[in-house]
C-alpha atoms as a PDB file:
ATOM      1  CA  MET A   1       0.620 -44.803  15.445  1.00  0.00           C
ATOM      2  CA  THR A   2      -0.719 -41.233  15.330  1.00  0.00           C
ATOM      3  CA  ALA A   3      -1.404 -39.758  12.350  1.00  0.00           C
ATOM      4  CA  VAL A   4      -0.480 -36.177  11.808  1.00  0.00           C
ATOM      5  CA  THR A   5      -3.070 -34.077   9.442  1.00  0.00           C
ATOM      6  CA  ALA A   6      -1.199 -31.234   7.862  1.00  0.00           C
ATOM      7  CA  THR A   7      -3.385 -28.514   6.881  1.00  0.00           C
ATOM      8  CA  THR A   8      -2.548 -25.646   4.278  1.00  0.00           C
ATOM      9  CA  ASP A   9      -4.010 -22.519   4.331  1.00  0.00           C
ATOM     10  CA  ARG A  10      -3.293 -21.177   0.648  1.00  0.00           C
ATOM     11  CA  THR A  11      -4.604 -18.049   1.391  1.00  0.00           C
ATOM     12  CA  LYS A  12      -1.890 -17.269   4.179  1.00  0.00           C
ATOM     13  CA  PHE A  13       0.657 -15.821   2.406  1.00  0.00           C
ATOM     14  CA  LEU A  14      -1.870 -13.269   0.839  1.00  0.00           C
ATOM     15  CA  ARG A  15      -3.588 -12.607   3.547  1.00  0.00           C
ATOM     16  CA  LEU A  16      -0.292 -11.449   5.179  1.00  0.00           C
ATOM     17  CA  ALA A  17       0.549  -9.717   2.099  1.00  0.00           C
ATOM     18  CA  LEU A  18      -2.382  -7.723   2.206  1.00  0.00           C
ATOM     19  CA  ALA A  19      -2.837  -6.902   6.009  1.00  0.00           C
ATOM     20  CA  VAL A  20       0.790  -5.536   6.069  1.00  0.00           C
ATOM     21  CA  ASP A  21      -0.088  -3.241   3.223  1.00  0.00           C
ATOM     22  CA  ALA A  22      -3.009  -1.968   4.837  1.00  0.00           C
ATOM     23  CA  ALA A  23      -1.455  -1.346   7.966  1.00  0.00           C
ATOM     24  CA  VAL A  24       1.587   0.609   6.481  1.00  0.00           C
ATOM     25  CA  THR A  25      -0.922   2.606   3.998  1.00  0.00           C
ATOM     26  CA  GLY A  26      -3.081   3.242   7.182  1.00  0.00           C
ATOM     27  CA  VAL A  27      -0.187   4.547   9.279  1.00  0.00           C
ATOM     28  CA  ASN A  28       1.218   6.591   6.295  1.00  0.00           C
ATOM     29  CA  GLY A  29      -2.254   8.073   5.738  1.00  0.00           C
ATOM     30  CA  LEU A  30      -2.610   8.742   9.523  1.00  0.00           C
ATOM     31  CA  ALA A  31       0.790  10.487   9.553  1.00  0.00           C
ATOM     32  CA  TYR A  32      -0.191  12.513   6.434  1.00  0.00           C
ATOM     33  CA  LEU A  33      -3.702  13.715   8.239  1.00  0.00           C
ATOM     34  CA  ALA A  34      -1.969  14.037  11.656  1.00  0.00           C
ATOM     35  CA  GLY A  35       1.536  15.902  10.358  1.00  0.00           C
ATOM     36  CA  ALA A  36       0.524  17.681   7.384  1.00  0.00           C
ATOM     37  CA  PRO A  37       2.126  20.790   7.966  1.00  0.00           C
ATOM     38  CA  LEU A  38       5.531  19.337   9.530  1.00  0.00           C
ATOM     39  CA  ALA A  39       5.507  16.918   6.596  1.00  0.00           C
ATOM     40  CA  GLY A  40       4.754  19.734   4.037  1.00  0.00           C
ATOM     41  CA  ASP A  41       8.008  21.617   5.083  1.00  0.00           C
ATOM     42  CA  LEU A  42      10.231  18.565   4.868  1.00  0.00           C
ATOM     43  CA  LEU A  43       8.497  16.592   1.785  1.00  0.00           C
ATOM     44  CA  GLY A  44       7.627  19.861  -0.075  1.00  0.00           C
ATOM     45  CA  PRO A  45       3.903  19.193  -1.171  1.00  0.00           C
ATOM     46  CA  GLY A  46       1.781  21.815   0.322  1.00  0.00           C
ATOM     47  CA  THR A  47      -0.789  20.514   3.760  1.00  0.00           C
ATOM     48  CA  GLY A  48      -3.603  20.480   1.298  1.00  0.00           C
ATOM     49  CA  LEU A  49      -2.314  17.905  -0.905  1.00  0.00           C
ATOM     50  CA  LEU A  50      -0.949  15.736   2.302  1.00  0.00           C
ATOM     51  CA  ARG A  51      -4.075  16.001   3.620  1.00  0.00           C
ATOM     52  CA  GLY A  52      -5.992  14.734   0.672  1.00  0.00           C
ATOM     53  CA  LEU A  53      -3.589  11.531   0.326  1.00  0.00           C
ATOM     54  CA  GLY A  54      -3.837  11.027   3.953  1.00  0.00           C
ATOM     55  CA  ALA A  55      -7.647  10.502   3.701  1.00  0.00           C
ATOM     56  CA  PHE A  56      -7.355   8.188   0.696  1.00  0.00           C
ATOM     57  CA  LEU A  57      -4.782   6.371   2.116  1.00  0.00           C
ATOM     58  CA  LEU A  58      -6.726   5.627   5.397  1.00  0.00           C
ATOM     59  CA  VAL A  59     -10.002   4.587   3.231  1.00  0.00           C
ATOM     60  CA  TYR A  60      -7.970   2.512   0.779  1.00  0.00           C
ATOM     61  CA  GLY A  61      -5.707   1.215   4.002  1.00  0.00           C
ATOM     62  CA  SER A  62      -8.861   0.306   5.697  1.00  0.00           C
ATOM     63  CA  ALA A  63     -10.628  -1.478   2.555  1.00  0.00           C
ATOM     64  CA  VAL A  64      -7.349  -3.366   1.845  1.00  0.00           C
ATOM     65  CA  GLY A  65      -7.651  -4.384   5.797  1.00  0.00           C
ATOM     66  CA  LEU A  66     -11.003  -5.576   5.309  1.00  0.00           C
ATOM     67  CA  LEU A  67     -10.138  -7.870   1.986  1.00  0.00           C
ATOM     68  CA  ALA A  68      -7.632  -9.229   4.119  1.00  0.00           C
ATOM     69  CA  GLY A  69      -9.840 -10.166   6.427  1.00  0.00           C
ATOM     70  CA  ARG A  70     -12.502 -11.713   4.948  1.00  0.00           C
ATOM     71  CA  PRO A  71     -13.222 -15.698   5.360  1.00  0.00           C
ATOM     72  CA  ALA A  72     -12.466 -16.065   1.682  1.00  0.00           C
ATOM     73  CA  ILE A  73     -10.346 -13.510  -0.192  1.00  0.00           C
ATOM     74  CA  SER A  74     -11.732 -11.881  -3.290  1.00  0.00           C
ATOM     75  CA  ALA A  75      -8.999 -12.855  -6.311  1.00  0.00           C
ATOM     76  CA  ALA A  76     -11.024  -9.649  -8.022  1.00  0.00           C
ATOM     77  CA  GLY A  77     -10.780  -7.364  -4.992  1.00  0.00           C
ATOM     78  CA  THR A  78      -6.937  -8.506  -5.030  1.00  0.00           C
ATOM     79  CA  ARG A  79      -6.474  -7.776  -8.619  1.00  0.00           C
ATOM     80  CA  ALA A  80      -7.912  -4.368  -7.779  1.00  0.00           C
ATOM     81  CA  VAL A  81      -5.553  -3.679  -5.035  1.00  0.00           C
ATOM     82  CA  ILE A  82      -2.773  -4.956  -7.123  1.00  0.00           C
ATOM     83  CA  GLY A  83      -3.528  -2.303  -9.964  1.00  0.00           C
ATOM     84  CA  LEU A  84      -3.993   0.439  -7.987  1.00  0.00           C
ATOM     85  CA  ASN A  85      -0.449  -0.059  -5.835  1.00  0.00           C
ATOM     86  CA  ALA A  86       0.955  -0.420  -9.785  1.00  0.00           C
ATOM     87  CA  VAL A  87      -0.653   2.884 -10.409  1.00  0.00           C
ATOM     88  CA  TRP A  88       0.398   4.393  -6.940  1.00  0.00           C
ATOM     89  CA  ALA A  89       4.089   3.181  -7.662  1.00  0.00           C
ATOM     90  CA  VAL A  90       4.485   4.481 -11.350  1.00  0.00           C
ATOM     91  CA  GLY A  91       2.484   7.434 -10.371  1.00  0.00           C
ATOM     92  CA  SER A  92       4.973   8.634  -7.530  1.00  0.00           C
ATOM     93  CA  VAL A  93       8.108   8.140 -10.057  1.00  0.00           C
ATOM     94  CA  VAL A  94       5.979  10.046 -12.571  1.00  0.00           C
ATOM     95  CA  ALA A  95       5.497  12.805 -10.030  1.00  0.00           C
ATOM     96  CA  VAL A  96       9.040  13.158  -9.313  1.00  0.00           C
ATOM     97  CA  VAL A  97      10.277  13.033 -12.555  1.00  0.00           C
ATOM     98  CA  THR A  98       8.245  15.188 -14.386  1.00  0.00           C
ATOM     99  CA  GLY A  99       8.204  17.499 -11.282  1.00  0.00           C
ATOM    100  CA  ALA A 100       4.210  17.413 -11.552  1.00  0.00           C
ATOM    101  CA  VAL A 101       5.063  17.806  -7.316  1.00  0.00           C
ATOM    102  CA  GLU A 102       7.131  20.312  -5.782  1.00  0.00           C
ATOM    103  CA  PHE A 103       9.312  17.779  -3.575  1.00  0.00           C
ATOM    104  CA  THR A 104      12.100  18.664  -1.625  1.00  0.00           C
ATOM    105  CA  THR A 105      15.169  16.791  -2.156  1.00  0.00           C
ATOM    106  CA  VAL A 106      14.001  14.487   0.960  1.00  0.00           C
ATOM    107  CA  GLY A 107      10.544  14.552  -0.436  1.00  0.00           C
ATOM    108  CA  ALA A 108      11.767  13.197  -3.740  1.00  0.00           C
ATOM    109  CA  VAL A 109      13.610  10.135  -2.185  1.00  0.00           C
ATOM    110  CA  TRP A 110      10.738   9.586   0.176  1.00  0.00           C
ATOM    111  CA  ALA A 111       8.228   9.305  -3.012  1.00  0.00           C
ATOM    112  CA  ILE A 112      10.823   7.175  -4.769  1.00  0.00           C
ATOM    113  CA  LEU A 113      11.322   4.858  -1.787  1.00  0.00           C
ATOM    114  CA  GLN A 114       7.420   4.637  -1.090  1.00  0.00           C
ATOM    115  CA  ALA A 115       6.881   3.840  -4.643  1.00  0.00           C
ATOM    116  CA  LEU A 116       9.295   0.930  -4.390  1.00  0.00           C
ATOM    117  CA  VAL A 117       7.638  -0.321  -1.235  1.00  0.00           C
ATOM    118  CA  VAL A 118       4.185  -0.434  -3.097  1.00  0.00           C
ATOM    119  CA  ALA A 119       5.592  -2.250  -5.760  1.00  0.00           C
ATOM    120  CA  VAL A 120       6.870  -4.895  -3.295  1.00  0.00           C
ATOM    121  CA  PHE A 121       3.342  -5.067  -2.210  1.00  0.00           C
ATOM    122  CA  ALA A 122       1.973  -5.312  -5.628  1.00  0.00           C
ATOM    123  CA  GLU A 123       4.364  -8.323  -6.272  1.00  0.00           C
ATOM    124  CA  LEU A 124       3.857 -10.087  -3.074  1.00  0.00           C
ATOM    125  CA  GLN A 125      -0.197  -9.973  -3.557  1.00  0.00           C
ATOM    126  CA  VAL A 126       0.515 -11.377  -7.033  1.00  0.00           C
ATOM    127  CA  MET A 127       2.851 -14.340  -5.833  1.00  0.00           C
ATOM    128  CA  GLY A 128      -0.092 -14.784  -3.192  1.00  0.00           C
ATOM    129  CA  LEU A 129      -2.803 -14.858  -5.829  1.00  0.00           C
ATOM    130  CA  ARG A 130      -0.797 -17.807  -7.102  1.00  0.00           C
ATOM    131  CA  ARG A 131      -0.458 -19.568  -4.401  1.00  0.00           C
ATOM    132  CA  MET A 132      -3.939 -19.413  -3.935  1.00  0.00           C
ATOM    133  CA  ARG A 133      -4.671 -21.467  -7.266  1.00  0.00           C
END
C-alpha cells in the first residue's frame, strides 16, 4: 500500500489574490502612462493626473507583486495592501460623488467599477490572511 501525503500551502489563496491584484494594477498603471491623452479624453481627468496615477500604480503594483512572490508572505505587508486598496476604493467613489475629479460619464462609471474591483481584491486578501492562520 502506498501512502499519499497531502501538503497544503496555506498561503496559496493569498498569494494568488496578491499576484492578480499586482498584475491588474500594473496593467492599469501602464495604460494610464502610455495612453494618458486618449484616456484623459475618454475618462475626463487631465493627462497630468493620469500619468501621476499611472506611475503610482506601477510602483504599487510592483510592491504588491514582490509581496506575493516572497517565500513567506508578510501579514503586516498584506494588511497594508488591504488598507491601501480600501482607501483607493473609497477615494474613487468620493471623487465621483463629490466631483473632486471632473469625470466624463464614462470616467465616472470606470472609477466606480474600478473601486468595486479593488474592494474585491481587498476582500479576497482578507480571506487569504484568515486562511494563513
